[in-house]
Amino acid sequence: MYYTLKEALCGQPNIFEADSPTKVGTTALSKYYKNNFDRSSEEGLLADWLAFWKIWIIGDVVVYGCCPMWARLPMNHVFSFVYICVLSFMRGAPTPSEKQ
């Protein structure tokens, strides 16, 4: 859904310029596939899942095993923030073509 909405509003061609909604949907699905299932680089779904397991297994042990009841929600938010930061740093780095 995210890729479809992003392509419809911001992509080239967007929903206002495209010949048909099918073209926007096809572009969005191809970007989704490339971002998550492309095996030509280390990025993708596998890297995301590895980061997920590395952070959340430890996070759940800490939150539910060590924190008092009143601190569980704030600690869970801390681990959520760290996970989103990790994903942002993994996906937000410029590609070699953008660096030049």
N, C-alpha and C. Protein backbone atom coordinates (compact mmCIF):
# COMPACT_ATOMS: atom_id res chain seq x y z
N MET A 1 0.82 -1.19 0.00
CA MET A 1 0.00 0.00 0.00
C MET A 1 0.87 1.26 0.00
N TYR A 2 1.96 1.25 0.79
CA TYR A 2 2.84 2.42 0.87
C TYR A 2 3.40 2.77 -0.50
N TYR A 3 3.93 1.78 -1.20
CA TYR A 3 4.55 2.05 -2.49
C TYR A 3 3.53 2.55 -3.51
N THR A 4 2.33 2.00 -3.46
CA THR A 4 1.29 2.42 -4.39
C THR A 4 0.89 3.88 -4.14
N LEU A 5 0.67 4.23 -2.88
CA LEU A 5 0.31 5.60 -2.56
C LEU A 5 1.44 6.57 -2.88
N LYS A 6 2.68 6.18 -2.58
CA LYS A 6 3.81 7.05 -2.87
C LYS A 6 3.94 7.27 -4.38
N GLU A 7 3.80 6.22 -5.16
CA GLU A 7 3.88 6.36 -6.62
C GLU A 7 2.72 7.18 -7.16
N ALA A 8 1.54 7.00 -6.60
CA ALA A 8 0.38 7.72 -7.09
C ALA A 8 0.53 9.22 -6.88
N LEU A 9 1.14 9.62 -5.77
CA LEU A 9 1.25 11.04 -5.46
C LEU A 9 2.56 11.67 -5.91
N CYS A 10 3.67 10.93 -5.81
CA CYS A 10 4.98 11.54 -6.03
C CYS A 10 5.76 10.94 -7.20
N GLY A 11 5.35 9.81 -7.70
CA GLY A 11 6.13 9.11 -8.71
C GLY A 11 6.06 9.75 -10.08
N GLN A 12 6.85 9.22 -10.97
CA GLN A 12 6.82 9.69 -12.35
C GLN A 12 6.45 8.54 -13.25
N PRO A 13 5.34 8.48 -13.89
CA PRO A 13 4.26 9.46 -13.85
C PRO A 13 3.38 9.26 -12.61
N ASN A 14 2.86 10.35 -12.06
CA ASN A 14 1.97 10.21 -10.91
C ASN A 14 0.55 9.99 -11.40
N ILE A 15 -0.38 9.87 -10.47
CA ILE A 15 -1.76 9.51 -10.82
C ILE A 15 -2.41 10.57 -11.71
N PHE A 16 -1.93 11.80 -11.62
CA PHE A 16 -2.52 12.88 -12.41
C PHE A 16 -1.95 12.94 -13.82
N GLU A 17 -0.79 12.36 -14.05
CA GLU A 17 -0.15 12.42 -15.35
C GLU A 17 -0.16 11.08 -16.09
N ALA A 18 -0.44 10.00 -15.41
CA ALA A 18 -0.33 8.67 -16.01
C ALA A 18 -1.47 8.41 -16.99
N ASP A 19 -1.20 7.50 -17.91
CA ASP A 19 -2.22 7.09 -18.86
C ASP A 19 -3.32 6.29 -18.15
N SER A 20 -2.92 5.48 -17.20
CA SER A 20 -3.89 4.66 -16.48
C SER A 20 -3.38 4.34 -15.08
N PRO A 21 -4.27 4.02 -14.17
CA PRO A 21 -3.84 3.61 -12.83
C PRO A 21 -3.00 2.33 -12.85
N THR A 22 -3.16 1.53 -13.88
CA THR A 22 -2.39 0.29 -14.00
C THR A 22 -0.91 0.58 -14.12
N LYS A 23 -0.57 1.64 -14.85
CA LYS A 23 0.85 2.00 -15.01
C LYS A 23 1.45 2.41 -13.67
N VAL A 24 0.71 3.18 -12.89
CA VAL A 24 1.18 3.59 -11.56
C VAL A 24 1.34 2.35 -10.67
N GLY A 25 0.36 1.45 -10.70
CA GLY A 25 0.43 0.23 -9.89
C GLY A 25 1.58 -0.66 -10.29
N THR A 26 1.84 -0.79 -11.58
CA THR A 26 2.94 -1.62 -12.05
C THR A 26 4.29 -1.04 -11.60
N THR A 27 4.44 0.27 -11.70
CA THR A 27 5.68 0.91 -11.24
C THR A 27 5.86 0.72 -9.74
N ALA A 28 4.78 0.88 -8.98
CA ALA A 28 4.87 0.72 -7.52
C ALA A 28 5.24 -0.71 -7.14
N LEU A 29 4.64 -1.70 -7.77
CA LEU A 29 4.94 -3.09 -7.44
C LEU A 29 6.37 -3.46 -7.84
N SER A 30 6.87 -2.91 -8.95
CA SER A 30 8.24 -3.22 -9.34
C SER A 30 9.24 -2.61 -8.34
N LYS A 31 8.95 -1.42 -7.82
CA LYS A 31 9.82 -0.83 -6.79
C LYS A 31 9.74 -1.62 -5.49
N TYR A 32 8.55 -2.10 -5.14
CA TYR A 32 8.39 -2.91 -3.94
C TYR A 32 9.20 -4.20 -4.07
N TYR A 33 9.11 -4.86 -5.20
CA TYR A 33 9.85 -6.10 -5.42
C TYR A 33 11.35 -5.85 -5.36
N LYS A 34 11.81 -4.79 -6.02
CA LYS A 34 13.25 -4.49 -6.03
C LYS A 34 13.75 -4.17 -4.62
N ASN A 35 12.97 -3.45 -3.85
CA ASN A 35 13.38 -3.04 -2.51
C ASN A 35 13.41 -4.22 -1.54
N ASN A 36 12.54 -5.18 -1.71
CA ASN A 36 12.43 -6.26 -0.72
C ASN A 36 13.01 -7.59 -1.15
N PHE A 37 13.01 -7.90 -2.41
CA PHE A 37 13.40 -9.24 -2.84
C PHE A 37 14.57 -9.28 -3.81
N ASP A 38 15.20 -8.14 -4.05
CA ASP A 38 16.35 -8.10 -4.97
C ASP A 38 17.54 -8.75 -4.28
N ARG A 39 18.08 -9.80 -4.86
CA ARG A 39 19.21 -10.51 -4.26
C ARG A 39 20.55 -10.06 -4.81
N SER A 40 20.58 -9.00 -5.60
CA SER A 40 21.84 -8.54 -6.16
C SER A 40 22.65 -7.70 -5.17
N SER A 41 22.04 -7.33 -4.05
CA SER A 41 22.77 -6.57 -3.04
C SER A 41 22.39 -7.10 -1.66
N GLU A 42 23.06 -6.59 -0.64
CA GLU A 42 22.78 -7.03 0.72
C GLU A 42 21.52 -6.39 1.28
N GLU A 43 21.02 -5.36 0.63
CA GLU A 43 19.80 -4.74 1.09
C GLU A 43 18.61 -5.63 0.75
N GLY A 44 17.52 -5.40 1.40
CA GLY A 44 16.32 -6.14 1.09
C GLY A 44 15.70 -6.74 2.33
N LEU A 45 14.77 -7.60 2.08
CA LEU A 45 13.96 -8.17 3.15
C LEU A 45 14.80 -8.99 4.13
N LEU A 46 15.76 -9.74 3.66
CA LEU A 46 16.58 -10.56 4.55
C LEU A 46 17.36 -9.69 5.54
N ALA A 47 17.96 -8.62 5.06
CA ALA A 47 18.71 -7.73 5.95
C ALA A 47 17.78 -7.08 6.97
N ASP A 48 16.57 -6.72 6.55
CA ASP A 48 15.60 -6.14 7.48
C ASP A 48 15.21 -7.14 8.57
N TRP A 49 14.97 -8.38 8.16
CA TRP A 49 14.57 -9.41 9.14
C TRP A 49 15.70 -9.72 10.11
N LEU A 50 16.94 -9.73 9.63
CA LEU A 50 18.06 -9.97 10.54
C LEU A 50 18.18 -8.85 11.57
N ALA A 51 18.03 -7.61 11.12
CA ALA A 51 18.05 -6.48 12.06
C ALA A 51 16.88 -6.58 13.04
N PHE A 52 15.73 -6.96 12.54
CA PHE A 52 14.55 -7.12 13.38
C PHE A 52 14.80 -8.12 14.49
N TRP A 53 15.33 -9.29 14.15
CA TRP A 53 15.56 -10.33 15.16
C TRP A 53 16.66 -9.94 16.13
N LYS A 54 17.70 -9.27 15.65
CA LYS A 54 18.79 -8.86 16.54
C LYS A 54 18.32 -7.86 17.58
N ILE A 55 17.41 -6.99 17.22
CA ILE A 55 16.95 -5.96 18.14
C ILE A 55 15.79 -6.45 19.00
N TRP A 56 14.81 -7.11 18.39
CA TRP A 56 13.59 -7.41 19.13
C TRP A 56 13.69 -8.62 20.05
N ILE A 57 14.54 -9.57 19.76
CA ILE A 57 14.71 -10.68 20.70
C ILE A 57 15.33 -10.16 22.00
N ILE A 58 16.38 -9.37 21.87
CA ILE A 58 17.01 -8.77 23.04
C ILE A 58 16.03 -7.80 23.71
N GLY A 59 15.34 -7.00 22.91
CA GLY A 59 14.40 -6.03 23.46
C GLY A 59 13.28 -6.68 24.25
N ASP A 60 12.71 -7.76 23.73
CA ASP A 60 11.63 -8.43 24.47
C ASP A 60 12.13 -9.07 25.75
N VAL A 61 13.33 -9.62 25.73
CA VAL A 61 13.89 -10.18 26.96
C VAL A 61 14.07 -9.09 28.01
N VAL A 62 14.59 -7.94 27.58
CA VAL A 62 14.79 -6.83 28.53
C VAL A 62 13.45 -6.28 29.01
N VAL A 63 12.54 -6.01 28.09
CA VAL A 63 11.26 -5.39 28.46
C VAL A 63 10.45 -6.29 29.37
N TYR A 64 10.28 -7.55 28.99
CA TYR A 64 9.40 -8.42 29.76
C TYR A 64 10.10 -9.20 30.86
N GLY A 65 11.42 -9.24 30.82
CA GLY A 65 12.14 -9.99 31.84
C GLY A 65 12.77 -9.15 32.92
N CYS A 66 13.12 -7.91 32.60
CA CYS A 66 13.89 -7.10 33.54
C CYS A 66 13.17 -5.83 33.99
N CYS A 67 12.23 -5.34 33.22
CA CYS A 67 11.59 -4.06 33.54
C CYS A 67 10.39 -4.26 34.47
N PRO A 68 10.21 -3.32 35.37
CA PRO A 68 8.98 -3.35 36.15
C PRO A 68 7.80 -3.00 35.24
N MET A 69 6.60 -3.30 35.69
CA MET A 69 5.41 -3.11 34.86
C MET A 69 5.27 -1.67 34.35
N TRP A 70 5.56 -0.68 35.18
CA TRP A 70 5.38 0.71 34.78
C TRP A 70 6.39 1.16 33.73
N ALA A 71 7.50 0.45 33.57
CA ALA A 71 8.55 0.87 32.62
C ALA A 71 8.50 0.10 31.30
N ARG A 72 7.59 -0.84 31.18
CA ARG A 72 7.57 -1.66 29.95
C ARG A 72 7.21 -0.86 28.71
N LEU A 73 6.20 -0.05 28.79
CA LEU A 73 5.79 0.72 27.62
C LEU A 73 6.88 1.71 27.18
N PRO A 74 7.45 2.50 28.09
CA PRO A 74 8.53 3.40 27.65
C PRO A 74 9.75 2.64 27.08
N MET A 75 10.11 1.51 27.67
CA MET A 75 11.24 0.74 27.15
C MET A 75 10.93 0.15 25.78
N ASN A 76 9.68 -0.27 25.59
CA ASN A 76 9.28 -0.79 24.30
C ASN A 76 9.38 0.31 23.24
N HIS A 77 9.04 1.53 23.61
CA HIS A 77 9.17 2.65 22.69
C HIS A 77 10.63 2.94 22.36
N VAL A 78 11.50 2.78 23.33
CA VAL A 78 12.93 2.98 23.08
C VAL A 78 13.44 1.96 22.06
N PHE A 79 13.07 0.70 22.24
CA PHE A 79 13.50 -0.32 21.27
C PHE A 79 12.88 -0.09 19.90
N SER A 80 11.65 0.38 19.86
CA SER A 80 11.03 0.71 18.57
C SER A 80 11.79 1.83 17.87
N PHE A 81 12.16 2.85 18.62
CA PHE A 81 12.91 3.97 18.05
C PHE A 81 14.26 3.51 17.52
N VAL A 82 14.94 2.66 18.27
CA VAL A 82 16.24 2.15 17.84
C VAL A 82 16.09 1.33 16.56
N TYR A 83 15.06 0.51 16.50
CA TYR A 83 14.83 -0.31 15.31
C TYR A 83 14.56 0.57 14.08
N ILE A 84 13.75 1.60 14.23
CA ILE A 84 13.47 2.50 13.11
C ILE A 84 14.74 3.24 12.70
N CYS A 85 15.56 3.62 13.67
CA CYS A 85 16.85 4.27 13.33
C CYS A 85 17.75 3.33 12.54
N VAL A 86 17.81 2.08 12.96
CA VAL A 86 18.64 1.09 12.25
C VAL A 86 18.14 0.94 10.82
N LEU A 87 16.84 0.80 10.63
CA LEU A 87 16.30 0.68 9.27
C LEU A 87 16.59 1.93 8.45
N SER A 88 16.47 3.09 9.06
CA SER A 88 16.74 4.33 8.33
C SER A 88 18.20 4.43 7.91
N PHE A 89 19.11 4.03 8.78
CA PHE A 89 20.52 4.07 8.42
C PHE A 89 20.85 3.01 7.37
N MET A 90 20.19 1.86 7.44
CA MET A 90 20.44 0.81 6.44
C MET A 90 19.92 1.22 5.07
N ARG A 91 18.75 1.82 5.02
CA ARG A 91 18.13 2.15 3.75
C ARG A 91 18.38 3.58 3.30
N GLY A 92 18.78 4.46 4.21
CA GLY A 92 18.92 5.86 3.86
C GLY A 92 20.29 6.26 3.35
N ALA A 93 21.26 5.36 3.39
CA ALA A 93 22.59 5.69 2.91
C ALA A 93 22.56 5.90 1.39
N PRO A 94 23.29 6.88 0.89
CA PRO A 94 23.29 7.10 -0.57
C PRO A 94 23.96 5.94 -1.30
N THR A 95 23.43 5.66 -2.46
CA THR A 95 24.02 4.63 -3.31
C THR A 95 25.29 5.17 -3.93
N PRO A 96 26.18 4.32 -4.44
CA PRO A 96 27.42 4.82 -5.04
C PRO A 96 27.18 5.80 -6.18
N SER A 97 26.11 5.65 -6.95
CA SER A 97 25.84 6.58 -8.06
C SER A 97 25.40 7.94 -7.54
N GLU A 98 24.77 8.00 -6.34
CA GLU A 98 24.32 9.27 -5.79
C GLU A 98 25.47 10.03 -5.15
N LYS A 99 26.53 9.37 -4.74
CA LYS A 99 27.66 10.01 -4.08
C LYS A 99 28.45 10.89 -5.05
N GLN A 100 28.46 10.54 -6.32
CA GLN A 100 29.29 11.26 -7.30
C GLN A 100 28.70 12.55 -7.71
